[in-house]
Amino acid sequence: QVQLVESGGGLVQPGGSLRLACAASRMIFSIYAMAWYRQAPGKQRELVAVITSGGSTNYADSAKGRFTISRDNAKNTVYLQMNSLKPEDTAVYYCTAARTIATMESGYWGQGTQVTVSS
């Protein structure tokens, strides 16, 4: 059974930074596309960033210029570096994995990590 475990969430002040990590196991990590989603209370789930097996990336408009997704295939880990954080970035962040971007929503999901941006 594929396992995705997120870490790195927490409380940060507006303008601050956090780096989320997602450690994957029981899968051939290098052949999977990986993504970060988030869901804030009372809001729809949002795709934040995606990285293909080949390293190509794409971002939601809300994340462009502030967030960076990366992967380390040697460590079976995907990261989300978040800078210039805003209160509206407050959400539970989920790591996902799928063979293709098109099937990401039906792929594997982690349990999520809470990010709270507040002064």
N, C-alpha and C. Protein backbone atom coordinates (compact mmCIF):
# COMPACT_ATOMS: atom_id res chain seq x y z
N GLN A 1 0.85 -1.19 0.00
CA GLN A 1 0.00 0.00 0.00
C GLN A 1 0.89 1.25 0.00
N VAL A 2 0.67 2.11 -0.99
CA VAL A 2 1.43 3.36 -1.07
C VAL A 2 1.15 4.21 0.16
N GLN A 3 2.19 4.84 0.68
CA GLN A 3 2.04 5.70 1.84
C GLN A 3 2.68 7.05 1.54
N LEU A 4 1.94 8.12 1.84
CA LEU A 4 2.45 9.48 1.70
C LEU A 4 2.31 10.16 3.05
N VAL A 5 3.40 10.70 3.56
CA VAL A 5 3.38 11.33 4.88
C VAL A 5 3.91 12.75 4.76
N GLU A 6 3.02 13.71 5.04
CA GLU A 6 3.40 15.12 4.97
C GLU A 6 3.98 15.59 6.29
N SER A 7 4.83 16.60 6.20
CA SER A 7 5.38 17.23 7.40
C SER A 7 5.74 18.68 7.06
N GLY A 8 6.00 19.46 8.10
CA GLY A 8 6.48 20.83 7.89
C GLY A 8 5.44 21.91 8.07
N GLY A 9 4.20 21.52 8.31
CA GLY A 9 3.19 22.54 8.55
C GLY A 9 3.37 23.20 9.91
N GLY A 10 2.57 24.24 10.13
CA GLY A 10 2.65 24.93 11.41
C GLY A 10 2.07 26.31 11.32
N LEU A 11 2.36 27.08 12.35
CA LEU A 11 1.89 28.46 12.44
C LEU A 11 3.01 29.40 12.02
N VAL A 12 2.71 30.32 11.12
CA VAL A 12 3.70 31.27 10.65
C VAL A 12 3.04 32.63 10.49
N GLN A 13 3.82 33.67 10.67
CA GLN A 13 3.29 35.02 10.51
C GLN A 13 3.19 35.39 9.03
N PRO A 14 2.29 36.30 8.70
CA PRO A 14 2.23 36.78 7.30
C PRO A 14 3.59 37.27 6.84
N GLY A 15 3.92 36.91 5.60
CA GLY A 15 5.22 37.25 5.06
C GLY A 15 6.29 36.20 5.32
N GLY A 16 5.99 35.26 6.16
CA GLY A 16 6.95 34.22 6.51
C GLY A 16 7.01 33.10 5.49
N SER A 17 7.82 32.09 5.81
CA SER A 17 8.03 30.96 4.90
C SER A 17 7.87 29.64 5.64
N LEU A 18 7.49 28.64 4.89
CA LEU A 18 7.45 27.26 5.37
C LEU A 18 7.87 26.35 4.24
N ARG A 19 8.46 25.22 4.58
CA ARG A 19 8.71 24.20 3.57
C ARG A 19 8.02 22.92 4.00
N LEU A 20 7.10 22.50 3.17
CA LEU A 20 6.42 21.23 3.40
C LEU A 20 7.19 20.11 2.72
N ALA A 21 7.15 18.96 3.32
CA ALA A 21 7.77 17.77 2.73
C ALA A 21 6.76 16.63 2.73
N CYS A 22 6.88 15.78 1.74
CA CYS A 22 6.02 14.60 1.64
C CYS A 22 6.90 13.41 1.31
N ALA A 23 7.01 12.50 2.26
CA ALA A 23 7.81 11.30 2.07
C ALA A 23 6.93 10.17 1.57
N ALA A 24 7.33 9.58 0.47
CA ALA A 24 6.56 8.51 -0.14
C ALA A 24 7.25 7.17 0.11
N SER A 25 6.44 6.13 0.25
CA SER A 25 6.99 4.79 0.41
C SER A 25 6.10 3.78 -0.29
N ARG A 26 6.68 2.62 -0.53
CA ARG A 26 5.95 1.51 -1.16
C ARG A 26 5.46 1.87 -2.55
N MET A 27 6.29 2.63 -3.27
CA MET A 27 5.99 2.99 -4.65
C MET A 27 7.29 3.30 -5.35
N ILE A 28 7.26 3.20 -6.68
CA ILE A 28 8.42 3.60 -7.48
C ILE A 28 8.29 5.10 -7.69
N PHE A 29 8.81 5.85 -6.76
CA PHE A 29 8.54 7.29 -6.66
C PHE A 29 8.86 8.02 -7.97
N SER A 30 9.95 7.65 -8.61
CA SER A 30 10.45 8.43 -9.74
C SER A 30 9.51 8.43 -10.93
N ILE A 31 8.59 7.47 -11.03
CA ILE A 31 7.73 7.41 -12.20
C ILE A 31 6.38 8.07 -11.95
N TYR A 32 6.18 8.60 -10.74
CA TYR A 32 4.92 9.22 -10.40
C TYR A 32 4.97 10.74 -10.53
N ALA A 33 3.89 11.32 -11.04
CA ALA A 33 3.68 12.75 -10.89
C ALA A 33 3.23 13.00 -9.46
N MET A 34 3.63 14.14 -8.92
CA MET A 34 3.30 14.49 -7.53
C MET A 34 2.65 15.87 -7.51
N ALA A 35 1.83 16.09 -6.52
CA ALA A 35 1.14 17.38 -6.44
C ALA A 35 0.85 17.74 -4.99
N TRP A 36 0.61 19.01 -4.80
CA TRP A 36 0.12 19.53 -3.52
C TRP A 36 -1.25 20.18 -3.76
N TYR A 37 -2.19 19.77 -2.94
CA TYR A 37 -3.51 20.39 -2.89
C TYR A 37 -3.65 21.07 -1.53
N ARG A 38 -4.65 21.93 -1.44
CA ARG A 38 -4.98 22.50 -0.13
C ARG A 38 -6.49 22.68 -0.04
N GLN A 39 -6.96 22.67 1.20
CA GLN A 39 -8.38 22.92 1.45
C GLN A 39 -8.53 23.74 2.72
N ALA A 40 -9.14 24.88 2.55
CA ALA A 40 -9.43 25.76 3.68
C ALA A 40 -10.84 25.50 4.16
N PRO A 41 -11.13 25.79 5.42
CA PRO A 41 -12.48 25.56 5.94
C PRO A 41 -13.53 26.28 5.11
N GLY A 42 -14.55 25.55 4.71
CA GLY A 42 -15.65 26.14 3.96
C GLY A 42 -15.34 26.42 2.50
N LYS A 43 -14.17 25.99 2.04
CA LYS A 43 -13.80 26.25 0.65
C LYS A 43 -13.54 24.94 -0.08
N GLN A 44 -13.58 25.03 -1.41
CA GLN A 44 -13.30 23.85 -2.22
C GLN A 44 -11.81 23.54 -2.22
N ARG A 45 -11.50 22.29 -2.40
CA ARG A 45 -10.13 21.87 -2.50
C ARG A 45 -9.49 22.51 -3.75
N GLU A 46 -8.23 22.90 -3.62
CA GLU A 46 -7.55 23.62 -4.70
C GLU A 46 -6.21 22.94 -5.01
N LEU A 47 -5.94 22.74 -6.28
CA LEU A 47 -4.63 22.25 -6.70
C LEU A 47 -3.65 23.41 -6.61
N VAL A 48 -2.60 23.25 -5.86
CA VAL A 48 -1.63 24.32 -5.64
C VAL A 48 -0.46 24.23 -6.62
N ALA A 49 0.10 23.04 -6.73
CA ALA A 49 1.29 22.86 -7.58
C ALA A 49 1.42 21.40 -7.95
N VAL A 50 2.03 21.17 -9.10
CA VAL A 50 2.22 19.80 -9.58
C VAL A 50 3.61 19.70 -10.21
N ILE A 51 4.19 18.53 -10.09
CA ILE A 51 5.48 18.26 -10.73
C ILE A 51 5.41 16.88 -11.37
N THR A 52 5.80 16.82 -12.62
CA THR A 52 5.75 15.54 -13.34
C THR A 52 6.94 14.67 -12.97
N SER A 53 6.93 13.44 -13.45
CA SER A 53 8.06 12.55 -13.21
C SER A 53 9.33 13.11 -13.84
N GLY A 54 9.17 13.89 -14.88
CA GLY A 54 10.32 14.48 -15.56
C GLY A 54 10.77 15.81 -14.98
N GLY A 55 10.02 16.31 -13.99
CA GLY A 55 10.43 17.53 -13.31
C GLY A 55 9.75 18.80 -13.80
N SER A 56 8.84 18.70 -14.75
CA SER A 56 8.09 19.88 -15.19
C SER A 56 7.11 20.28 -14.11
N THR A 57 6.92 21.58 -13.95
CA THR A 57 6.07 22.08 -12.86
C THR A 57 4.97 22.98 -13.39
N ASN A 58 3.93 23.09 -12.60
CA ASN A 58 2.84 24.00 -12.90
C ASN A 58 2.23 24.43 -11.59
N TYR A 59 1.70 25.67 -11.58
CA TYR A 59 1.21 26.25 -10.33
C TYR A 59 -0.15 26.91 -10.53
N ALA A 60 -0.92 26.92 -9.44
CA ALA A 60 -2.12 27.73 -9.41
C ALA A 60 -1.70 29.20 -9.45
N ASP A 61 -2.57 30.03 -9.97
CA ASP A 61 -2.26 31.46 -10.04
C ASP A 61 -1.93 32.01 -8.64
N SER A 62 -2.61 31.50 -7.64
CA SER A 62 -2.42 31.98 -6.27
C SER A 62 -1.04 31.63 -5.72
N ALA A 63 -0.37 30.66 -6.35
CA ALA A 63 0.93 30.19 -5.87
C ALA A 63 2.09 30.69 -6.71
N LYS A 64 1.82 31.14 -7.90
CA LYS A 64 2.90 31.55 -8.80
C LYS A 64 3.73 32.68 -8.21
N GLY A 65 5.04 32.51 -8.29
CA GLY A 65 5.95 33.54 -7.78
C GLY A 65 6.23 33.45 -6.30
N ARG A 66 5.45 32.64 -5.57
CA ARG A 66 5.65 32.52 -4.13
C ARG A 66 6.00 31.10 -3.69
N PHE A 67 5.44 30.12 -4.38
CA PHE A 67 5.63 28.72 -4.00
C PHE A 67 6.50 28.02 -5.04
N THR A 68 7.27 27.05 -4.58
CA THR A 68 8.09 26.24 -5.47
C THR A 68 7.94 24.77 -5.09
N ILE A 69 7.55 23.97 -6.07
CA ILE A 69 7.48 22.52 -5.86
C ILE A 69 8.74 21.89 -6.42
N SER A 70 9.27 20.91 -5.71
CA SER A 70 10.47 20.22 -6.17
C SER A 70 10.41 18.78 -5.68
N ARG A 71 11.26 17.95 -6.24
CA ARG A 71 11.28 16.55 -5.83
C ARG A 71 12.71 16.06 -5.75
N ASP A 72 12.94 15.12 -4.85
CA ASP A 72 14.23 14.46 -4.70
C ASP A 72 13.96 12.97 -4.83
N ASN A 73 14.21 12.44 -5.99
CA ASN A 73 13.90 11.03 -6.24
C ASN A 73 14.77 10.09 -5.40
N ALA A 74 15.95 10.54 -5.03
CA ALA A 74 16.81 9.71 -4.19
C ALA A 74 16.24 9.55 -2.79
N LYS A 75 15.47 10.55 -2.35
CA LYS A 75 14.87 10.51 -1.01
C LYS A 75 13.38 10.19 -1.05
N ASN A 76 12.84 9.93 -2.24
CA ASN A 76 11.40 9.66 -2.37
C ASN A 76 10.55 10.74 -1.71
N THR A 77 10.94 11.98 -1.94
CA THR A 77 10.30 13.09 -1.25
C THR A 77 10.00 14.23 -2.22
N VAL A 78 8.83 14.82 -2.03
CA VAL A 78 8.45 16.02 -2.77
C VAL A 78 8.30 17.15 -1.76
N TYR A 79 8.68 18.34 -2.19
CA TYR A 79 8.67 19.50 -1.30
C TYR A 79 7.78 20.60 -1.86
N LEU A 80 7.32 21.46 -0.97
CA LEU A 80 6.65 22.69 -1.37
C LEU A 80 7.24 23.82 -0.52
N GLN A 81 8.06 24.64 -1.16
CA GLN A 81 8.61 25.79 -0.49
C GLN A 81 7.62 26.93 -0.65
N MET A 82 7.18 27.49 0.47
CA MET A 82 6.17 28.55 0.44
C MET A 82 6.76 29.80 1.06
N ASN A 83 6.84 30.85 0.27
CA ASN A 83 7.37 32.14 0.72
C ASN A 83 6.28 33.20 0.66
N SER A 84 6.54 34.30 1.33
CA SER A 84 5.59 35.43 1.34
C SER A 84 4.18 34.97 1.66
N LEU A 85 4.06 34.19 2.69
CA LEU A 85 2.77 33.60 3.03
C LEU A 85 1.76 34.64 3.45
N LYS A 86 0.50 34.38 3.09
CA LYS A 86 -0.61 35.27 3.38
C LYS A 86 -1.64 34.53 4.23
N PRO A 87 -2.47 35.27 4.96
CA PRO A 87 -3.52 34.59 5.73
C PRO A 87 -4.40 33.68 4.87
N GLU A 88 -4.62 34.06 3.63
CA GLU A 88 -5.45 33.23 2.76
C GLU A 88 -4.78 31.93 2.32
N ASP A 89 -3.53 31.75 2.66
CA ASP A 89 -2.86 30.47 2.42
C ASP A 89 -3.16 29.45 3.53
N THR A 90 -3.84 29.88 4.55
CA THR A 90 -4.21 28.99 5.65
C THR A 90 -5.11 27.87 5.14
N ALA A 91 -4.68 26.64 5.36
CA ALA A 91 -5.42 25.48 4.86
C ALA A 91 -4.73 24.21 5.33
N VAL A 92 -5.39 23.09 5.12
CA VAL A 92 -4.72 21.80 5.23
C VAL A 92 -4.13 21.49 3.86
N TYR A 93 -2.86 21.17 3.85
CA TYR A 93 -2.14 20.87 2.61
C TYR A 93 -1.94 19.37 2.48
N TYR A 94 -2.30 18.86 1.30
CA TYR A 94 -2.24 17.43 1.03
C TYR A 94 -1.26 17.14 -0.09
N CYS A 95 -0.51 16.08 0.08
CA CYS A 95 0.38 15.58 -0.95
C CYS A 95 -0.35 14.46 -1.70
N THR A 96 -0.19 14.43 -3.01
CA THR A 96 -0.82 13.39 -3.81
C THR A 96 0.17 12.82 -4.82
N ALA A 97 -0.14 11.62 -5.27
CA ALA A 97 0.70 10.94 -6.25
C ALA A 97 -0.17 10.20 -7.24
N ALA A 98 0.22 10.25 -8.50
CA ALA A 98 -0.49 9.51 -9.55
C ALA A 98 0.45 9.30 -10.72
N ARG A 99 0.10 8.35 -11.56
CA ARG A 99 0.96 8.08 -12.72
C ARG A 99 0.90 9.21 -13.73
N THR A 100 -0.25 9.90 -13.79
CA THR A 100 -0.37 11.04 -14.68
C THR A 100 -1.07 12.19 -13.95
N ILE A 101 -0.85 13.39 -14.43
CA ILE A 101 -1.48 14.56 -13.83
C ILE A 101 -3.00 14.46 -13.97
N ALA A 102 -3.44 13.92 -15.09
CA ALA A 102 -4.88 13.84 -15.36
C ALA A 102 -5.61 12.97 -14.34
N THR A 103 -4.90 12.03 -13.74
CA THR A 103 -5.53 11.12 -12.78
C THR A 103 -5.19 11.45 -11.34
N MET A 104 -4.65 12.64 -11.11
CA MET A 104 -4.14 12.99 -9.78
C MET A 104 -5.23 12.91 -8.71
N GLU A 105 -6.44 13.41 -9.01
CA GLU A 105 -7.49 13.45 -7.99
C GLU A 105 -7.88 12.05 -7.53
N SER A 106 -7.71 11.08 -8.35
CA SER A 106 -8.06 9.71 -7.99
C SER A 106 -6.84 8.90 -7.59
N GLY A 107 -5.72 9.56 -7.38
CA GLY A 107 -4.49 8.87 -7.00
C GLY A 107 -4.38 8.65 -5.51
N TYR A 108 -3.14 8.60 -5.06
CA TYR A 108 -2.87 8.38 -3.64
C TYR A 108 -2.79 9.73 -2.91
N TRP A 109 -3.31 9.75 -1.69
CA TRP A 109 -3.34 10.98 -0.90
C TRP A 109 -2.71 10.76 0.46
N GLY A 110 -2.03 11.79 0.95
CA GLY A 110 -1.57 11.77 2.32
C GLY A 110 -2.65 12.24 3.27
N GLN A 111 -2.31 12.30 4.56
CA GLN A 111 -3.28 12.69 5.57
C GLN A 111 -3.39 14.21 5.72
N GLY A 112 -2.44 14.93 5.21
CA GLY A 112 -2.50 16.38 5.27
C GLY A 112 -1.71 16.97 6.41
N THR A 113 -1.30 18.21 6.22
CA THR A 113 -0.61 18.95 7.27
C THR A 113 -1.18 20.37 7.32
N GLN A 114 -1.44 20.85 8.53
CA GLN A 114 -2.09 22.15 8.70
C GLN A 114 -1.07 23.27 8.56
N VAL A 115 -1.43 24.26 7.75
CA VAL A 115 -0.65 25.49 7.65
C VAL A 115 -1.55 26.64 8.08
N THR A 116 -1.10 27.40 9.06
CA THR A 116 -1.86 28.54 9.55
C THR A 116 -0.99 29.79 9.45
N VAL A 117 -1.50 30.77 8.73
CA VAL A 117 -0.78 32.03 8.56
C VAL A 117 -1.54 33.10 9.32
N SER A 118 -0.96 33.56 10.40
CA SER A 118 -1.66 34.50 11.27
C SER A 118 -0.66 35.27 12.12
N SER A 119 -1.00 36.49 12.42
CA SER A 119 -0.16 37.28 13.32
C SER A 119 -0.67 37.16 14.76
